[in-house]
Structures are given as structure tokens and as C-alpha cells.
Amino acid sequence: MKSLTKKIIIGALVAFPILSFAIVPPSINPPQTSVTSLNDVSAIIGNIINWLMGLFFVVAVLFLFYAAFLYLTAAGDEEKVKKAKNQLIYAIIAIAIALLSGTVQFIVQNTLNRQ
């Protein structure tokens, strides 16, 4: 119990200084955004989709590396090899979806901009 208390106190001493970074100086005002047309909405949605697409693609590639790691560490065990192959298939499907999402974004933005 003594060790747990010591860990909590040390963790709190390390974590509390981080809270000072959360304070926003009063001289900085948040940016004022105003959506005045459908093109602004389309641009905002496009930016969000670009960020999400990039994040999704990075996660898919990480899963690809994880599948390769599983395959390399399987050591001939059929069950582990099967799990690694399934993970590899899922990672490839995720990468394909990430690449196709750019096309869907393009179609949606063009549809919104025509109106």
C-alpha cells in the first residue's frame, strides 16, 4: 500500500505542472469563423475529410506492419499464420477504403458546388 501511495504522489507531482499549459492567455481571442456560403461548408467538410482520410491511412499502414509482425513471429504455427493472413487482408482492405475515400470526397464536393 505504501508503494501505491508513493506512485500516486509522484504521478500527481509530474502531472500537475502540465495543467499550466491549459491556461489560455486573456489577450488571445479565439478565431472568428463565419460560414457565409455553401462553398465555405464544402471547404470545411473537405478539410475534415482530408484529415480523417490521412489518419485512417496511417492507421491502416500500422495494421499492415502489425500483420507482417504477426506473420514473422508465427514460427510455422498454422493458427498464427492464419491470423496473420487475415490481418493482412483486413489491412489491405482498409488501405483500399482509405484510397477510395478521396474519390468519394471529390464526388460529394463537386455535387455540393454545383448547387
PDB file of N, CA and C in Angstrom:
ATOM      1  N   MET A   1       0.820  -1.187   0.000  1.00  0.00           N
ATOM      2  CA  MET A   1       0.000   0.000   0.000  1.00  0.00           C
ATOM      3  C   MET A   1       0.864   1.250   0.000  1.00  0.00           C
ATOM      4  N   LYS A   2       1.996   1.160   0.673  1.00  0.00           N
ATOM      5  CA  LYS A   2       2.894   2.297   0.746  1.00  0.00           C
ATOM      6  C   LYS A   2       3.444   2.635  -0.639  1.00  0.00           C
ATOM      7  N   SER A   3       3.725   1.591  -1.414  1.00  0.00           N
ATOM      8  CA  SER A   3       4.261   1.782  -2.763  1.00  0.00           C
ATOM      9  C   SER A   3       3.222   2.438  -3.676  1.00  0.00           C
ATOM     10  N   LEU A   4       1.964   2.036  -3.539  1.00  0.00           N
ATOM     11  CA  LEU A   4       0.897   2.612  -4.360  1.00  0.00           C
ATOM     12  C   LEU A   4       0.724   4.097  -4.054  1.00  0.00           C
ATOM     13  N   THR A   5       0.753   4.454  -2.794  1.00  0.00           N
ATOM     14  CA  THR A   5       0.632   5.859  -2.408  1.00  0.00           C
ATOM     15  C   THR A   5       1.791   6.672  -2.962  1.00  0.00           C
ATOM     16  N   LYS A   6       2.974   6.096  -2.900  1.00  0.00           N
ATOM     17  CA  LYS A   6       4.159   6.781  -3.420  1.00  0.00           C
ATOM     18  C   LYS A   6       4.030   7.003  -4.926  1.00  0.00           C
ATOM     19  N   LYS A   7       3.519   6.003  -5.646  1.00  0.00           N
ATOM     20  CA  LYS A   7       3.342   6.133  -7.098  1.00  0.00           C
ATOM     21  C   LYS A   7       2.309   7.206  -7.435  1.00  0.00           C
ATOM     22  N   ILE A   8       1.242   7.257  -6.672  1.00  0.00           N
ATOM     23  CA  ILE A   8       0.202   8.261  -6.918  1.00  0.00           C
ATOM     24  C   ILE A   8       0.744   9.667  -6.673  1.00  0.00           C
ATOM     25  N   ILE A   9       1.500   9.836  -5.597  1.00  0.00           N
ATOM     26  CA  ILE A   9       2.061  11.161  -5.295  1.00  0.00           C
ATOM     27  C   ILE A   9       3.049  11.587  -6.370  1.00  0.00           C
ATOM     28  N   ILE A  10       3.915  10.685  -6.799  1.00  0.00           N
ATOM     29  CA  ILE A  10       4.882  11.023  -7.851  1.00  0.00           C
ATOM     30  C   ILE A  10       4.158  11.332  -9.158  1.00  0.00           C
ATOM     31  N   GLY A  11       3.143  10.546  -9.491  1.00  0.00           N
ATOM     32  CA  GLY A  11       2.371  10.810 -10.707  1.00  0.00           C
ATOM     33  C   GLY A  11       1.683  12.161 -10.665  1.00  0.00           C
ATOM     34  N   ALA A  12       1.146  12.516  -9.500  1.00  0.00           N
ATOM     35  CA  ALA A  12       0.485  13.816  -9.364  1.00  0.00           C
ATOM     36  C   ALA A  12       1.487  14.952  -9.486  1.00  0.00           C
ATOM     37  N   LEU A  13       2.659  14.791  -8.898  1.00  0.00           N
ATOM     38  CA  LEU A  13       3.679  15.834  -8.989  1.00  0.00           C
ATOM     39  C   LEU A  13       4.166  16.025 -10.419  1.00  0.00           C
ATOM     40  N   VAL A  14       4.166  14.952 -11.189  1.00  0.00           N
ATOM     41  CA  VAL A  14       4.574  15.057 -12.589  1.00  0.00           C
ATOM     42  C   VAL A  14       3.442  15.643 -13.434  1.00  0.00           C
ATOM     43  N   ALA A  15       2.202  15.287 -13.124  1.00  0.00           N
ATOM     44  CA  ALA A  15       1.073  15.689 -13.961  1.00  0.00           C
ATOM     45  C   ALA A  15       0.592  17.115 -13.697  1.00  0.00           C
ATOM     46  N   PHE A  16       0.682  17.608 -12.491  1.00  0.00           N
ATOM     47  CA  PHE A  16       0.143  18.928 -12.182  1.00  0.00           C
ATOM     48  C   PHE A  16       0.792  20.065 -12.955  1.00  0.00           C
ATOM     49  N   PRO A  17       2.093  20.069 -13.192  1.00  0.00           N
ATOM     50  CA  PRO A  17       2.661  21.165 -13.997  1.00  0.00           C
ATOM     51  C   PRO A  17       2.122  21.213 -15.425  1.00  0.00           C
ATOM     52  N   ILE A  18       1.657  20.087 -15.922  1.00  0.00           N
ATOM     53  CA  ILE A  18       1.105  20.056 -17.277  1.00  0.00           C
ATOM     54  C   ILE A  18      -0.172  20.893 -17.356  1.00  0.00           C
ATOM     55  N   LEU A  19      -0.901  21.006 -16.252  1.00  0.00           N
ATOM     56  CA  LEU A  19      -2.137  21.786 -16.248  1.00  0.00           C
ATOM     57  C   LEU A  19      -1.891  23.255 -16.551  1.00  0.00           C
ATOM     58  N   SER A  20      -0.701  23.750 -16.286  1.00  0.00           N
ATOM     59  CA  SER A  20      -0.418  25.159 -16.560  1.00  0.00           C
ATOM     60  C   SER A  20      -0.445  25.459 -18.056  1.00  0.00           C
ATOM     61  N   PHE A  21      -0.237  24.460 -18.883  1.00  0.00           N
ATOM     62  CA  PHE A  21      -0.288  24.672 -20.324  1.00  0.00           C
ATOM     63  C   PHE A  21      -1.719  24.830 -20.828  1.00  0.00           C
ATOM     64  N   ALA A  22      -2.700  24.457 -20.023  1.00  0.00           N
ATOM     65  CA  ALA A  22      -4.093  24.547 -20.439  1.00  0.00           C
ATOM     66  C   ALA A  22      -4.658  25.948 -20.272  1.00  0.00           C
ATOM     67  N   ILE A  23      -3.963  26.822 -19.601  1.00  0.00           N
ATOM     68  CA  ILE A  23      -4.445  28.180 -19.371  1.00  0.00           C
ATOM     69  C   ILE A  23      -4.244  29.006 -20.636  1.00  0.00           C
ATOM     70  N   VAL A  24      -5.312  29.629 -21.113  1.00  0.00           N
ATOM     71  CA  VAL A  24      -5.239  30.472 -22.300  1.00  0.00           C
ATOM     72  C   VAL A  24      -5.021  31.909 -21.852  1.00  0.00           C
ATOM     73  N   PRO A  25      -3.996  32.564 -22.367  1.00  0.00           N
ATOM     74  CA  PRO A  25      -3.785  33.970 -22.001  1.00  0.00           C
ATOM     75  C   PRO A  25      -4.987  34.817 -22.418  1.00  0.00           C
ATOM     76  N   PRO A  26      -5.386  35.796 -21.606  1.00  0.00           N
ATOM     77  CA  PRO A  26      -6.576  36.587 -21.916  1.00  0.00           C
ATOM     78  C   PRO A  26      -6.422  37.472 -23.149  1.00  0.00           C
ATOM     79  N   SER A  27      -5.204  37.711 -23.612  1.00  0.00           N
ATOM     80  CA  SER A  27      -5.018  38.588 -24.769  1.00  0.00           C
ATOM     81  C   SER A  27      -5.300  37.879 -26.094  1.00  0.00           C
ATOM     82  N   ILE A  28      -5.374  36.562 -26.068  1.00  0.00           N
ATOM     83  CA  ILE A  28      -5.609  35.813 -27.306  1.00  0.00           C
ATOM     84  C   ILE A  28      -7.097  35.514 -27.425  1.00  0.00           C
ATOM     85  N   ASN A  29      -7.693  35.977 -28.505  1.00  0.00           N
ATOM     86  CA  ASN A  29      -9.101  35.715 -28.761  1.00  0.00           C
ATOM     87  C   ASN A  29      -9.223  34.519 -29.695  1.00  0.00           C
ATOM     88  N   PRO A  30     -10.246  33.712 -29.507  1.00  0.00           N
ATOM     89  CA  PRO A  30     -10.426  32.590 -30.425  1.00  0.00           C
ATOM     90  C   PRO A  30     -10.751  33.107 -31.825  1.00  0.00           C
ATOM     91  N   PRO A  31     -10.355  32.375 -32.845  1.00  0.00           N
ATOM     92  CA  PRO A  31     -10.630  32.852 -34.208  1.00  0.00           C
ATOM     93  C   PRO A  31     -12.126  32.915 -34.483  1.00  0.00           C
ATOM     94  N   GLN A  32     -12.523  33.946 -35.178  1.00  0.00           N
ATOM     95  CA  GLN A  32     -13.920  34.118 -35.550  1.00  0.00           C
ATOM     96  C   GLN A  32     -14.137  33.515 -36.931  1.00  0.00           C
ATOM     97  N   THR A  33     -14.978  32.536 -36.995  1.00  0.00           N
ATOM     98  CA  THR A  33     -15.285  31.925 -38.284  1.00  0.00           C
ATOM     99  C   THR A  33     -16.749  32.160 -38.582  1.00  0.00           C
ATOM    100  N   SER A  34     -17.010  32.475 -39.803  1.00  0.00           N
ATOM    101  CA  SER A  34     -18.395  32.636 -40.217  1.00  0.00           C
ATOM    102  C   SER A  34     -18.573  31.942 -41.555  1.00  0.00           C
ATOM    103  N   VAL A  35     -19.563  31.130 -41.610  1.00  0.00           N
ATOM    104  CA  VAL A  35     -19.880  30.422 -42.840  1.00  0.00           C
ATOM    105  C   VAL A  35     -20.912  31.260 -43.576  1.00  0.00           C
ATOM    106  N   THR A  36     -20.519  31.744 -44.751  1.00  0.00           N
ATOM    107  CA  THR A  36     -21.413  32.634 -45.486  1.00  0.00           C
ATOM    108  C   THR A  36     -22.002  31.991 -46.726  1.00  0.00           C
ATOM    109  N   SER A  37     -21.418  30.889 -47.181  1.00  0.00           N
ATOM    110  CA  SER A  37     -21.959  30.257 -48.386  1.00  0.00           C
ATOM    111  C   SER A  37     -21.767  28.755 -48.311  1.00  0.00           C
ATOM    112  N   LEU A  38     -22.345  28.090 -49.283  1.00  0.00           N
ATOM    113  CA  LEU A  38     -22.225  26.639 -49.358  1.00  0.00           C
ATOM    114  C   LEU A  38     -20.793  26.224 -49.666  1.00  0.00           C
ATOM    115  N   ASN A  39     -20.051  27.078 -50.353  1.00  0.00           N
ATOM    116  CA  ASN A  39     -18.652  26.766 -50.648  1.00  0.00           C
ATOM    117  C   ASN A  39     -17.821  26.711 -49.365  1.00  0.00           C
ATOM    118  N   ASP A  40     -18.146  27.567 -48.389  1.00  0.00           N
ATOM    119  CA  ASP A  40     -17.436  27.529 -47.109  1.00  0.00           C
ATOM    120  C   ASP A  40     -17.693  26.211 -46.382  1.00  0.00           C
ATOM    121  N   VAL A  41     -18.948  25.768 -46.404  1.00  0.00           N
ATOM    122  CA  VAL A  41     -19.292  24.491 -45.779  1.00  0.00           C
ATOM    123  C   VAL A  41     -18.554  23.363 -46.483  1.00  0.00           C
ATOM    124  N   SER A  42     -18.524  23.423 -47.794  1.00  0.00           N
ATOM    125  CA  SER A  42     -17.838  22.399 -48.577  1.00  0.00           C
ATOM    126  C   SER A  42     -16.348  22.376 -48.262  1.00  0.00           C
ATOM    127  N   ALA A  43     -15.747  23.537 -48.096  1.00  0.00           N
ATOM    128  CA  ALA A  43     -14.318  23.606 -47.777  1.00  0.00           C
ATOM    129  C   ALA A  43     -14.036  23.048 -46.388  1.00  0.00           C
ATOM    130  N   ILE A  44     -14.897  23.356 -45.437  1.00  0.00           N
ATOM    131  CA  ILE A  44     -14.713  22.847 -44.077  1.00  0.00           C
ATOM    132  C   ILE A  44     -14.856  21.330 -44.056  1.00  0.00           C
ATOM    133  N   ILE A  45     -15.879  20.824 -44.722  1.00  0.00           N
ATOM    134  CA  ILE A  45     -16.071  19.378 -44.789  1.00  0.00           C
ATOM    135  C   ILE A  45     -14.894  18.720 -45.495  1.00  0.00           C
ATOM    136  N   GLY A  46     -14.399  19.350 -46.545  1.00  0.00           N
ATOM    137  CA  GLY A  46     -13.245  18.813 -47.265  1.00  0.00           C
ATOM    138  C   GLY A  46     -12.012  18.734 -46.388  1.00  0.00           C
ATOM    139  N   ASN A  47     -11.783  19.767 -45.574  1.00  0.00           N
ATOM    140  CA  ASN A  47     -10.636  19.744 -44.662  1.00  0.00           C
ATOM    141  C   ASN A  47     -10.762  18.633 -43.624  1.00  0.00           C
ATOM    142  N   ILE A  48     -11.955  18.475 -43.084  1.00  0.00           N
ATOM    143  CA  ILE A  48     -12.177  17.415 -42.097  1.00  0.00           C
ATOM    144  C   ILE A  48     -11.953  16.050 -42.728  1.00  0.00           C
ATOM    145  N   ILE A  49     -12.484  15.856 -43.919  1.00  0.00           N
ATOM    146  CA  ILE A  49     -12.323  14.568 -44.596  1.00  0.00           C
ATOM    147  C   ILE A  49     -10.860  14.305 -44.921  1.00  0.00           C
ATOM    148  N   ASN A  50     -10.128  15.327 -45.340  1.00  0.00           N
ATOM    149  CA  ASN A  50      -8.703  15.136 -45.631  1.00  0.00           C
ATOM    150  C   ASN A  50      -7.939  14.694 -44.385  1.00  0.00           C
ATOM    151  N   TRP A  51      -8.221  15.321 -43.255  1.00  0.00           N
ATOM    152  CA  TRP A  51      -7.554  14.926 -42.019  1.00  0.00           C
ATOM    153  C   TRP A  51      -7.924  13.499 -41.634  1.00  0.00           C
ATOM    154  N   LEU A  52      -9.202  13.173 -41.694  1.00  0.00           N
ATOM    155  CA  LEU A  52      -9.635  11.827 -41.331  1.00  0.00           C
ATOM    156  C   LEU A  52      -9.086  10.779 -42.288  1.00  0.00           C
ATOM    157  N   MET A  53      -9.036  11.112 -43.575  1.00  0.00           N
ATOM    158  CA  MET A  53      -8.503  10.181 -44.561  1.00  0.00           C
ATOM    159  C   MET A  53      -7.022   9.911 -44.284  1.00  0.00           C
ATOM    160  N   GLY A  54      -6.272  10.945 -43.974  1.00  0.00           N
ATOM    161  CA  GLY A  54      -4.860  10.763 -43.652  1.00  0.00           C
ATOM    162  C   GLY A  54      -4.666   9.924 -42.401  1.00  0.00           C
ATOM    163  N   LEU A  55      -5.461  10.196 -41.378  1.00  0.00           N
ATOM    164  CA  LEU A  55      -5.378   9.432 -40.144  1.00  0.00           C
ATOM    165  C   LEU A  55      -5.740   7.969 -40.384  1.00  0.00           C
ATOM    166  N   PHE A  56      -6.803   7.738 -41.142  1.00  0.00           N
ATOM    167  CA  PHE A  56      -7.243   6.382 -41.453  1.00  0.00           C
ATOM    168  C   PHE A  56      -6.169   5.636 -42.231  1.00  0.00           C
ATOM    169  N   PHE A  57      -5.532   6.319 -43.170  1.00  0.00           N
ATOM    170  CA  PHE A  57      -4.488   5.692 -43.975  1.00  0.00           C
ATOM    171  C   PHE A  57      -3.292   5.315 -43.104  1.00  0.00           C
ATOM    172  N   VAL A  58      -2.906   6.183 -42.187  1.00  0.00           N
ATOM    173  CA  VAL A  58      -1.781   5.885 -41.292  1.00  0.00           C
ATOM    174  C   VAL A  58      -2.104   4.682 -40.410  1.00  0.00           C
ATOM    175  N   VAL A  59      -3.315   4.636 -39.867  1.00  0.00           N
ATOM    176  CA  VAL A  59      -3.713   3.504 -39.029  1.00  0.00           C
ATOM    177  C   VAL A  59      -3.733   2.218 -39.851  1.00  0.00           C
ATOM    178  N   ALA A  60      -4.192   2.292 -41.091  1.00  0.00           N
ATOM    179  CA  ALA A  60      -4.217   1.108 -41.951  1.00  0.00           C
ATOM    180  C   ALA A  60      -2.805   0.601 -42.227  1.00  0.00           C
ATOM    181  N   VAL A  61      -1.877   1.495 -42.451  1.00  0.00           N
ATOM    182  CA  VAL A  61      -0.489   1.083 -42.685  1.00  0.00           C
ATOM    183  C   VAL A  61       0.107   0.480 -41.412  1.00  0.00           C
ATOM    184  N   LEU A  62      -0.239   1.028 -40.249  1.00  0.00           N
ATOM    185  CA  LEU A  62       0.232   0.441 -38.995  1.00  0.00           C
ATOM    186  C   LEU A  62      -0.307  -0.978 -38.822  1.00  0.00           C
ATOM    187  N   PHE A  63      -1.560  -1.201 -39.210  1.00  0.00           N
ATOM    188  CA  PHE A  63      -2.108  -2.547 -39.162  1.00  0.00           C
ATOM    189  C   PHE A  63      -1.398  -3.467 -40.151  1.00  0.00           C
ATOM    190  N   LEU A  64      -0.963  -2.929 -41.261  1.00  0.00           N
ATOM    191  CA  LEU A  64      -0.189  -3.714 -42.223  1.00  0.00           C
ATOM    192  C   LEU A  64       1.132  -4.159 -41.590  1.00  0.00           C
ATOM    193  N   PHE A  65       1.797  -3.255 -40.897  1.00  0.00           N
ATOM    194  CA  PHE A  65       3.036  -3.617 -40.198  1.00  0.00           C
ATOM    195  C   PHE A  65       2.769  -4.635 -39.090  1.00  0.00           C
ATOM    196  N   TYR A  66       1.647  -4.479 -38.402  1.00  0.00           N
ATOM    197  CA  TYR A  66       1.285  -5.436 -37.355  1.00  0.00           C
ATOM    198  C   TYR A  66       1.054  -6.822 -37.949  1.00  0.00           C
ATOM    199  N   ALA A  67       0.394  -6.880 -39.102  1.00  0.00           N
ATOM    200  CA  ALA A  67       0.171  -8.166 -39.768  1.00  0.00           C
ATOM    201  C   ALA A  67       1.495  -8.796 -40.178  1.00  0.00           C
ATOM    202  N   ALA A  68       2.414  -7.986 -40.671  1.00  0.00           N
ATOM    203  CA  ALA A  68       3.732  -8.510 -41.035  1.00  0.00           C
ATOM    204  C   ALA A  68       4.459  -9.033 -39.798  1.00  0.00           C
ATOM    205  N   PHE A  69       4.346  -8.315 -38.689  1.00  0.00           N
ATOM    206  CA  PHE A  69       4.969  -8.765 -37.445  1.00  0.00           C
ATOM    207  C   PHE A  69       4.375 -10.096 -36.998  1.00  0.00           C
ATOM    208  N   LEU A  70       3.047 -10.223 -37.071  1.00  0.00           N
ATOM    209  CA  LEU A  70       2.402 -11.484 -36.701  1.00  0.00           C
ATOM    210  C   LEU A  70       2.882 -12.627 -37.584  1.00  0.00           C
ATOM    211  N   TYR A  71       3.020 -12.354 -38.866  1.00  0.00           N
ATOM    212  CA  TYR A  71       3.447 -13.395 -39.801  1.00  0.00           C
ATOM    213  C   TYR A  71       4.890 -13.815 -39.522  1.00  0.00           C
ATOM    214  N   LEU A  72       5.747 -12.847 -39.232  1.00  0.00           N
ATOM    215  CA  LEU A  72       7.149 -13.167 -38.977  1.00  0.00           C
ATOM    216  C   LEU A  72       7.349 -13.899 -37.655  1.00  0.00           C
ATOM    217  N   THR A  73       6.507 -13.641 -36.686  1.00  0.00           N
ATOM    218  CA  THR A  73       6.645 -14.294 -35.384  1.00  0.00           C
ATOM    219  C   THR A  73       5.784 -15.542 -35.254  1.00  0.00           C
ATOM    220  N   ALA A  74       5.122 -15.955 -36.316  1.00  0.00           N
ATOM    221  CA  ALA A  74       4.264 -17.139 -36.258  1.00  0.00           C
ATOM    222  C   ALA A  74       5.077 -18.414 -36.058  1.00  0.00           C
ATOM    223  N   ALA A  75       6.278 -18.463 -36.572  1.00  0.00           N
ATOM    224  CA  ALA A  75       7.186 -19.606 -36.411  1.00  0.00           C
ATOM    225  C   ALA A  75       6.554 -20.917 -36.867  1.00  0.00           C
ATOM    226  N   GLY A  76       5.791 -20.862 -37.929  1.00  0.00           N
ATOM    227  CA  GLY A  76       5.226 -22.072 -38.514  1.00  0.00           C
ATOM    228  C   GLY A  76       3.938 -22.555 -37.878  1.00  0.00           C
ATOM    229  N   ASP A  77       3.467 -21.919 -36.838  1.00  0.00           N
ATOM    230  CA  ASP A  77       2.206 -22.295 -36.205  1.00  0.00           C
ATOM    231  C   ASP A  77       1.067 -21.919 -37.145  1.00  0.00           C
ATOM    232  N   GLU A  78       0.306 -22.926 -37.576  1.00  0.00           N
ATOM    233  CA  GLU A  78      -0.739 -22.713 -38.584  1.00  0.00           C
ATOM    234  C   GLU A  78      -1.794 -21.711 -38.123  1.00  0.00           C
ATOM    235  N   GLU A  79      -2.161 -21.769 -36.858  1.00  0.00           N
ATOM    236  CA  GLU A  79      -3.194 -20.852 -36.359  1.00  0.00           C
ATOM    237  C   GLU A  79      -2.697 -19.404 -36.383  1.00  0.00           C
ATOM    238  N   LYS A  80      -1.443 -19.194 -35.997  1.00  0.00           N
ATOM    239  CA  LYS A  80      -0.881 -17.843 -36.011  1.00  0.00           C
ATOM    240  C   LYS A  80      -0.698 -17.336 -37.439  1.00  0.00           C
ATOM    241  N   VAL A  81      -0.319 -18.238 -38.351  1.00  0.00           N
ATOM    242  CA  VAL A  81      -0.166 -17.845 -39.755  1.00  0.00           C
ATOM    243  C   VAL A  81      -1.521 -17.444 -40.328  1.00  0.00           C
ATOM    244  N   LYS A  82      -2.561 -18.203 -39.994  1.00  0.00           N
ATOM    245  CA  LYS A  82      -3.907 -17.877 -40.477  1.00  0.00           C
ATOM    246  C   LYS A  82      -4.364 -16.519 -39.930  1.00  0.00           C
ATOM    247  N   LYS A  83      -4.084 -16.270 -38.646  1.00  0.00           N
ATOM    248  CA  LYS A  83      -4.445 -14.985 -38.047  1.00  0.00           C
ATOM    249  C   LYS A  83      -3.696 -13.845 -38.733  1.00  0.00           C
ATOM    250  N   ALA A  84      -2.419 -14.064 -39.028  1.00  0.00           N
ATOM    251  CA  ALA A  84      -1.614 -13.035 -39.693  1.00  0.00           C
ATOM    252  C   ALA A  84      -2.125 -12.766 -41.102  1.00  0.00           C
ATOM    253  N   LYS A  85      -2.495 -13.819 -41.829  1.00  0.00           N
ATOM    254  CA  LYS A  85      -3.017 -13.631 -43.190  1.00  0.00           C
ATOM    255  C   LYS A  85      -4.339 -12.873 -43.166  1.00  0.00           C
ATOM    256  N   ASN A  86      -5.205 -13.206 -42.217  1.00  0.00           N
ATOM    257  CA  ASN A  86      -6.475 -12.475 -42.102  1.00  0.00           C
ATOM    258  C   ASN A  86      -6.227 -11.012 -41.763  1.00  0.00           C
ATOM    259  N   GLN A  87      -5.293 -10.754 -40.873  1.00  0.00           N
ATOM    260  CA  GLN A  87      -4.954  -9.373 -40.514  1.00  0.00           C
ATOM    261  C   GLN A  87      -4.406  -8.629 -41.719  1.00  0.00           C
ATOM    262  N   LEU A  88      -3.608  -9.316 -42.532  1.00  0.00           N
ATOM    263  CA  LEU A  88      -3.054  -8.712 -43.742  1.00  0.00           C
ATOM    264  C   LEU A  88      -4.161  -8.363 -44.734  1.00  0.00           C
ATOM    265  N   ILE A  89      -5.119  -9.253 -44.888  1.00  0.00           N
ATOM    266  CA  ILE A  89      -6.248  -8.988 -45.794  1.00  0.00           C
ATOM    267  C   ILE A  89      -7.047  -7.783 -45.297  1.00  0.00           C
ATOM    268  N   TYR A  90      -7.303  -7.729 -43.991  1.00  0.00           N
ATOM    269  CA  TYR A  90      -8.051  -6.597 -43.431  1.00  0.00           C
ATOM    270  C   TYR A  90      -7.290  -5.290 -43.605  1.00  0.00           C
ATOM    271  N   ALA A  91      -5.975  -5.332 -43.454  1.00  0.00           N
ATOM    272  CA  ALA A  91      -5.164  -4.124 -43.621  1.00  0.00           C
ATOM    273  C   ALA A  91      -5.198  -3.651 -45.068  1.00  0.00           C
ATOM    274  N   ILE A  92      -5.131  -4.574 -46.013  1.00  0.00           N
ATOM    275  CA  ILE A  92      -5.189  -4.198 -47.432  1.00  0.00           C
ATOM    276  C   ILE A  92      -6.556  -3.615 -47.771  1.00  0.00           C
ATOM    277  N   ILE A  93      -7.615  -4.196 -47.226  1.00  0.00           N
ATOM    278  CA  ILE A  93      -8.961  -3.656 -47.450  1.00  0.00           C
ATOM    279  C   ILE A  93      -9.064  -2.247 -46.861  1.00  0.00           C
ATOM    280  N   ALA A  94      -8.491  -2.034 -45.688  1.00  0.00           N
ATOM    281  CA  ALA A  94      -8.527  -0.701 -45.066  1.00  0.00           C
ATOM    282  C   ALA A  94      -7.768   0.322 -45.899  1.00  0.00           C
ATOM    283  N   ILE A  95      -6.633  -0.067 -46.470  1.00  0.00           N
ATOM    284  CA  ILE A  95      -5.875   0.847 -47.329  1.00  0.00           C
ATOM    285  C   ILE A  95      -6.677   1.173 -48.582  1.00  0.00           C
ATOM    286  N   ALA A  96      -7.348   0.171 -49.153  1.00  0.00           N
ATOM    287  CA  ALA A  96      -8.177   0.418 -50.336  1.00  0.00           C
ATOM    288  C   ALA A  96      -9.319   1.377 -50.005  1.00  0.00           C
ATOM    289  N   ILE A  97      -9.940   1.198 -48.853  1.00  0.00           N
ATOM    290  CA  ILE A  97     -11.018   2.105 -48.442  1.00  0.00           C
ATOM    291  C   ILE A  97     -10.479   3.516 -48.248  1.00  0.00           C
ATOM    292  N   ALA A  98      -9.293   3.631 -47.663  1.00  0.00           N
ATOM    293  CA  ALA A  98      -8.694   4.958 -47.464  1.00  0.00           C
ATOM    294  C   ALA A  98      -8.433   5.636 -48.798  1.00  0.00           C
ATOM    295  N   LEU A  99      -7.968   4.878 -49.779  1.00  0.00           N
ATOM    296  CA  LEU A  99      -7.712   5.467 -51.096  1.00  0.00           C
ATOM    297  C   LEU A  99      -9.009   5.836 -51.814  1.00  0.00           C
ATOM    298  N   LEU A 100     -10.037   5.004 -51.664  1.00  0.00           N
ATOM    299  CA  LEU A 100     -11.320   5.291 -52.316  1.00  0.00           C
ATOM    300  C   LEU A 100     -12.070   6.444 -51.654  1.00  0.00           C
ATOM    301  N   SER A 101     -11.786   6.702 -50.392  1.00  0.00           N
ATOM    302  CA  SER A 101     -12.500   7.785 -49.713  1.00  0.00           C
ATOM    303  C   SER A 101     -12.166   9.141 -50.324  1.00  0.00           C
ATOM    304  N   GLY A 102     -10.992   9.274 -50.912  1.00  0.00           N
ATOM    305  CA  GLY A 102     -10.656  10.510 -51.614  1.00  0.00           C
ATOM    306  C   GLY A 102     -11.564  10.733 -52.806  1.00  0.00           C
ATOM    307  N   THR A 103     -11.912   9.658 -53.495  1.00  0.00           N
ATOM    308  CA  THR A 103     -12.819   9.753 -54.636  1.00  0.00           C
ATOM    309  C   THR A 103     -14.219  10.148 -54.179  1.00  0.00           C
ATOM    310  N   VAL A 104     -14.672   9.561 -53.093  1.00  0.00           N
ATOM    311  CA  VAL A 104     -15.994   9.898 -52.565  1.00  0.00           C
ATOM    312  C   VAL A 104     -16.036  11.367 -52.156  1.00  0.00           C
ATOM    313  N   GLN A 105     -14.969  11.845 -51.537  1.00  0.00           N
ATOM    314  CA  GLN A 105     -14.905  13.256 -51.150  1.00  0.00           C
ATOM    315  C   GLN A 105     -14.996  14.151 -52.381  1.00  0.00           C
ATOM    316  N   PHE A 106     -14.287  13.805 -53.425  1.00  0.00           N
ATOM    317  CA  PHE A 106     -14.302  14.595 -54.657  1.00  0.00           C
ATOM    318  C   PHE A 106     -15.709  14.646 -55.250  1.00  0.00           C
ATOM    319  N   ILE A 107     -16.395  13.521 -55.273  1.00  0.00           N
ATOM    320  CA  ILE A 107     -17.756  13.463 -55.828  1.00  0.00           C
ATOM    321  C   ILE A 107     -18.715  14.306 -54.987  1.00  0.00           C
ATOM    322  N   VAL A 108     -18.627  14.198 -53.669  1.00  0.00           N
ATOM    323  CA  VAL A 108     -19.527  14.958 -52.793  1.00  0.00           C
ATOM    324  C   VAL A 108     -19.266  16.453 -52.920  1.00  0.00           C
ATOM    325  N   GLN A 109     -17.996  16.856 -52.958  1.00  0.00           N
ATOM    326  CA  GLN A 109     -17.686  18.283 -53.087  1.00  0.00           C
ATOM    327  C   GLN A 109     -18.168  18.831 -54.422  1.00  0.00           C
ATOM    328  N   ASN A 110     -17.996  18.100 -55.500  1.00  0.00           N
ATOM    329  CA  ASN A 110     -18.479  18.572 -56.798  1.00  0.00           C
ATOM    330  C   ASN A 110     -19.998  18.660 -56.827  1.00  0.00           C
ATOM    331  N   THR A 111     -20.668  17.735 -56.175  1.00  0.00           N
ATOM    332  CA  THR A 111     -22.128  17.780 -56.119  1.00  0.00           C
ATOM    333  C   THR A 111     -22.596  18.996 -55.325  1.00  0.00           C
ATOM    334  N   LEU A 112     -21.941  19.290 -54.209  1.00  0.00           N
ATOM    335  CA  LEU A 112     -22.330  20.453 -53.408  1.00  0.00           C
ATOM    336  C   LEU A 112     -22.011  21.767 -54.109  1.00  0.00           C
ATOM    337  N   ASN A 113     -20.929  21.820 -54.855  1.00  0.00           N
ATOM    338  CA  ASN A 113     -20.535  23.059 -55.526  1.00  0.00           C
ATOM    339  C   ASN A 113     -21.410  23.378 -56.731  1.00  0.00           C
ATOM    340  N   ARG A 114     -22.074  22.405 -57.304  1.00  0.00           N
ATOM    341  CA  ARG A 114     -22.946  22.653 -58.465  1.00  0.00           C
ATOM    342  C   ARG A 114     -24.221  23.377 -58.071  1.00  0.00           C
ATOM    343  N   GLN A 115     -24.656  23.192 -56.853  1.00  0.00           N
ATOM    344  CA  GLN A 115     -25.948  23.759 -56.448  1.00  0.00           C
ATOM    345  C   GLN A 115     -25.846  25.203 -56.096  1.00  0.00           C
TER     346      GLN A 115
END
